[in-house]
Every structure is written in C-alpha cells, then in structure tokens.
C-alpha cells in the first residue's frame, strides 16, 4: 500500500518513471529546476456538482466554451473534471473523448488534463480498467497520492504517454 506521508511527490514521480515532466516549452526536472516559461493552469470546474453555480461548465460544449475563454485570458494548461450526461464525474472512455475533443477544438495546442480521483468509481482495479479503454488521451492526468493504487495508476498513465500531475 502506498503511504503518502512517507515519500515526497518528487520521489513518488521518480518511482513511477516520471523523471522529467514537460508542458509545451516548460520543463521541470526531478532535480527541481524551475520552468523556463511561466505556466498558468486553470481548473474550469473542479469536483463541484451541477447547479452549484449557474456558470459551472459540465457538458462538453460548456467545457469547450470555458476552455476558449480561459486560454484567451492567459491560461496555458487546463484541468477538467469530466462529466457524464447526468452531471456525475466520469472517467468513462466516451465521456473523456467527447469532452477532450470539444475542448481541443476551441483551445488547440493547449494541454488538457483530467481528474482520476478514486471517488469517481470507488474501485482501484476498475479505475485502471477504464483508463486502459481511453481512446482519446488527455495530455496529463491528476493522480492523488493519498489514494490506494496511485503508483500503479501513475505508471499506467506514463505507459500510455499521458503526463502525471501531482494531485
């Protein structure tokens, strides 16, 4: 079992093979070098439920409109909590694909990351199975270090070519 208090995030990423993380032209190394350019990332909806705020984007179209707006405002990366049609958080392949495709159409070239937190499915093995079925890959995905299965999920994402973001 992974114990988040026993290892630093840098050591955790190194253990999964993520010695170097790149977003566009910004590079961060395990040695702690600073980014070569400033990076502003926007989380457009977080884990909030539909109806929490009238402007909260939950559908692919709403996420796409918001993606364009935050990039125009200066964001250089976007984090999104993907939703199913009923508004519940989702990592289902179809929901991921619809949301990423819509957002990439309005914010081309902008790195987009997704949440993979445990509560979305509530099952470590099922989460890995679902991620394995992704046909449209995000540029990065958040992995919460305090959750069971985090090292294996991070390795899986790296093997798929998806960057790992410390959650």
Protein backbone atom coordinates (compact mmCIF):
# COMPACT_ATOMS: atom_id res chain seq x y z
CA UNK A 1 0.00 0.00 0.00
CA UNK A 2 1.22 3.50 -0.86
CA UNK A 3 1.82 5.76 2.15
CA UNK A 4 1.77 9.41 1.07
CA UNK A 5 3.42 10.72 4.23
CA UNK A 6 6.46 8.50 3.72
CA UNK A 7 7.60 9.83 0.36
CA UNK A 8 7.86 13.21 -1.34
CA UNK A 9 5.97 13.91 -4.55
CA UNK A 10 9.28 14.18 -6.38
CA UNK A 11 10.35 10.73 -5.10
CA UNK A 12 6.93 9.31 -5.97
CA UNK A 13 7.13 10.59 -9.55
CA UNK A 14 10.68 9.28 -9.88
CA UNK A 15 9.50 5.84 -8.68
CA UNK A 16 6.91 5.75 -11.46
CA UNK A 17 9.40 6.73 -14.15
CA UNK A 18 8.35 10.37 -14.44
CA UNK A 19 11.81 11.89 -14.05
CA UNK A 20 11.03 14.78 -16.40
CA UNK A 21 7.70 16.46 -16.92
CA UNK A 22 7.16 18.75 -19.91
CA UNK A 23 4.25 21.04 -20.73
CA UNK A 24 4.74 22.89 -24.01
CA UNK A 25 8.14 24.57 -23.64
CA UNK A 26 8.22 24.43 -19.81
CA UNK A 27 10.34 21.69 -18.33
CA UNK A 28 10.52 20.62 -14.71
CA UNK A 29 13.06 18.02 -13.70
CA UNK A 30 13.37 15.77 -10.69
CA UNK A 31 16.30 17.96 -9.67
CA UNK A 32 13.84 20.79 -9.05
CA UNK A 33 14.79 23.10 -11.92
CA UNK A 34 12.36 25.93 -12.49
CA UNK A 35 10.14 26.20 -15.55
CA UNK A 36 11.63 28.08 -18.49
CA UNK A 37 8.33 29.94 -19.00
CA UNK A 38 5.57 30.91 -16.57
CA UNK A 39 2.67 28.47 -16.59
CA UNK A 40 -0.86 29.41 -15.60
CA UNK A 41 -3.20 26.43 -15.36
CA UNK A 42 -6.94 26.82 -14.91
CA UNK A 43 -9.24 24.25 -13.35
CA UNK A 44 -12.52 25.02 -15.06
CA UNK A 45 -14.97 23.10 -12.87
CA UNK A 46 -13.37 21.04 -10.10
CA UNK A 47 -15.37 18.47 -8.20
CA UNK A 48 -18.40 20.73 -7.86
CA UNK A 49 -21.85 19.42 -8.73
CA UNK A 50 -24.07 20.75 -11.49
CA UNK A 51 -26.19 23.56 -10.12
CA UNK A 52 -23.58 24.71 -7.59
CA UNK A 53 -23.13 27.82 -9.71
CA UNK A 54 -25.04 28.83 -12.85
CA UNK A 55 -21.81 29.24 -14.86
CA UNK A 56 -20.26 25.90 -13.84
CA UNK A 57 -19.33 24.05 -17.05
CA UNK A 58 -20.34 20.39 -17.02
CA UNK A 59 -21.20 19.44 -20.61
CA UNK A 60 -18.56 19.04 -23.34
CA UNK A 61 -19.90 22.16 -25.09
CA UNK A 62 -19.78 24.22 -21.88
CA UNK A 63 -16.26 22.97 -21.14
CA UNK A 64 -15.20 23.89 -24.69
CA UNK A 65 -16.59 27.42 -24.37
CA UNK A 66 -14.86 27.85 -21.00
CA UNK A 67 -11.61 26.43 -22.38
CA UNK A 68 -11.54 29.09 -25.09
CA UNK A 69 -12.26 31.83 -22.53
CA UNK A 70 -9.53 30.80 -20.08
CA UNK A 71 -6.93 30.46 -22.84
CA UNK A 72 -7.86 33.93 -24.12
CA UNK A 73 -7.41 35.15 -20.52
CA UNK A 74 -3.89 33.69 -20.35
CA UNK A 75 -4.17 30.07 -19.20
CA UNK A 76 -1.59 27.77 -20.78
CA UNK A 77 -2.99 24.49 -19.43
CA UNK A 78 -6.45 23.35 -18.36
CA UNK A 79 -7.61 20.81 -15.78
CA UNK A 80 -11.16 19.48 -16.08
CA UNK A 81 -13.37 17.12 -14.11
CA UNK A 82 -15.14 15.30 -16.95
CA UNK A 83 -18.85 14.62 -16.51
CA UNK A 84 -21.30 12.00 -17.74
CA UNK A 85 -24.62 13.09 -19.27
CA UNK A 86 -26.23 13.07 -15.80
CA UNK A 87 -23.61 15.50 -14.47
CA UNK A 88 -21.75 12.95 -12.33
CA UNK A 89 -17.95 12.93 -12.56
CA UNK A 90 -16.72 10.36 -15.05
CA UNK A 91 -13.60 8.80 -16.48
CA UNK A 92 -15.57 6.64 -18.92
CA UNK A 93 -13.86 6.50 -22.34
CA UNK A 94 -16.80 8.05 -24.22
CA UNK A 95 -17.15 10.93 -21.75
CA UNK A 96 -13.39 11.60 -21.79
CA UNK A 97 -13.33 11.53 -25.61
CA UNK A 98 -16.35 13.84 -26.04
CA UNK A 99 -15.03 16.40 -23.57
CA UNK A 100 -11.42 16.40 -24.81
CA UNK A 101 -12.49 16.58 -28.47
CA UNK A 102 -14.77 19.55 -27.79
CA UNK A 103 -12.16 21.39 -25.70
CA UNK A 104 -9.35 20.79 -28.18
CA UNK A 105 -11.49 22.27 -30.96
CA UNK A 106 -11.75 25.58 -29.09
CA UNK A 107 -8.33 25.59 -27.39
CA UNK A 108 -5.99 23.89 -29.89
CA UNK A 109 -2.49 23.20 -28.64
CA UNK A 110 -3.39 23.81 -25.01
CA UNK A 111 -2.50 20.89 -22.70
CA UNK A 112 -5.64 19.47 -21.10
CA UNK A 113 -5.64 17.27 -18.02
CA UNK A 114 -8.35 15.26 -16.32
CA UNK A 115 -9.13 14.12 -12.80
CA UNK A 116 -8.81 10.42 -11.93
CA UNK A 117 -9.70 10.60 -8.24
CA UNK A 118 -10.84 7.43 -6.50
CA UNK A 119 -14.38 8.59 -5.66
CA UNK A 120 -15.31 8.74 -9.35
CA UNK A 121 -15.53 4.93 -9.49
CA UNK A 122 -14.71 3.85 -5.95
CA UNK A 123 -12.65 0.87 -7.12
CA UNK A 124 -8.89 0.83 -7.77
CA UNK A 125 -8.92 -2.07 -10.26
CA UNK A 126 -11.96 -0.76 -12.12
CA UNK A 127 -10.34 2.67 -12.46
CA UNK A 128 -7.30 1.11 -14.16
CA UNK A 129 -9.55 -0.95 -16.48
CA UNK A 130 -11.50 2.15 -17.51
CA UNK A 131 -8.33 4.21 -18.10
CA UNK A 132 -6.99 1.37 -20.28
CA UNK A 133 -10.05 1.87 -22.51
CA UNK A 134 -9.42 5.55 -23.22
CA UNK A 135 -9.29 6.15 -26.98
CA UNK A 136 -8.73 9.90 -26.68
CA UNK A 137 -5.88 10.61 -24.29
CA UNK A 138 -5.51 13.72 -22.15
CA UNK A 139 -2.16 15.49 -22.11
CA UNK A 140 -1.91 14.88 -18.37
CA UNK A 141 -3.99 13.40 -15.57
CA UNK A 142 -4.10 14.12 -11.86
CA UNK A 143 -3.12 11.27 -9.58
CA UNK A 144 -3.94 11.78 -5.90
CA UNK A 145 -1.04 10.43 -3.87
CA UNK A 146 -3.18 9.70 -0.82
CA UNK A 147 -5.25 7.12 -2.68
CA UNK A 148 -4.69 3.38 -2.91
CA UNK A 149 -3.37 2.33 -6.30
CA UNK A 150 -1.74 5.70 -7.05
CA UNK A 151 1.71 4.33 -8.08
CA UNK A 152 0.18 1.76 -10.44
CA UNK A 153 -2.18 4.33 -11.96
CA UNK A 154 0.71 6.77 -12.49
CA UNK A 155 2.79 4.07 -14.19
CA UNK A 156 -0.16 3.12 -16.39
CA UNK A 157 -0.68 6.73 -17.45
CA UNK A 158 3.01 7.18 -18.23
CA UNK A 159 2.99 3.95 -20.27
CA UNK A 160 0.06 5.39 -22.25
CA UNK A 161 2.02 8.59 -22.88
CA UNK A 162 -0.10 10.68 -20.51
CA UNK A 163 1.70 13.09 -18.19
CA UNK A 164 1.17 12.70 -14.46
CA UNK A 165 0.13 15.70 -12.38
CA UNK A 166 0.53 15.55 -8.60
CA UNK A 167 -2.97 15.69 -7.15
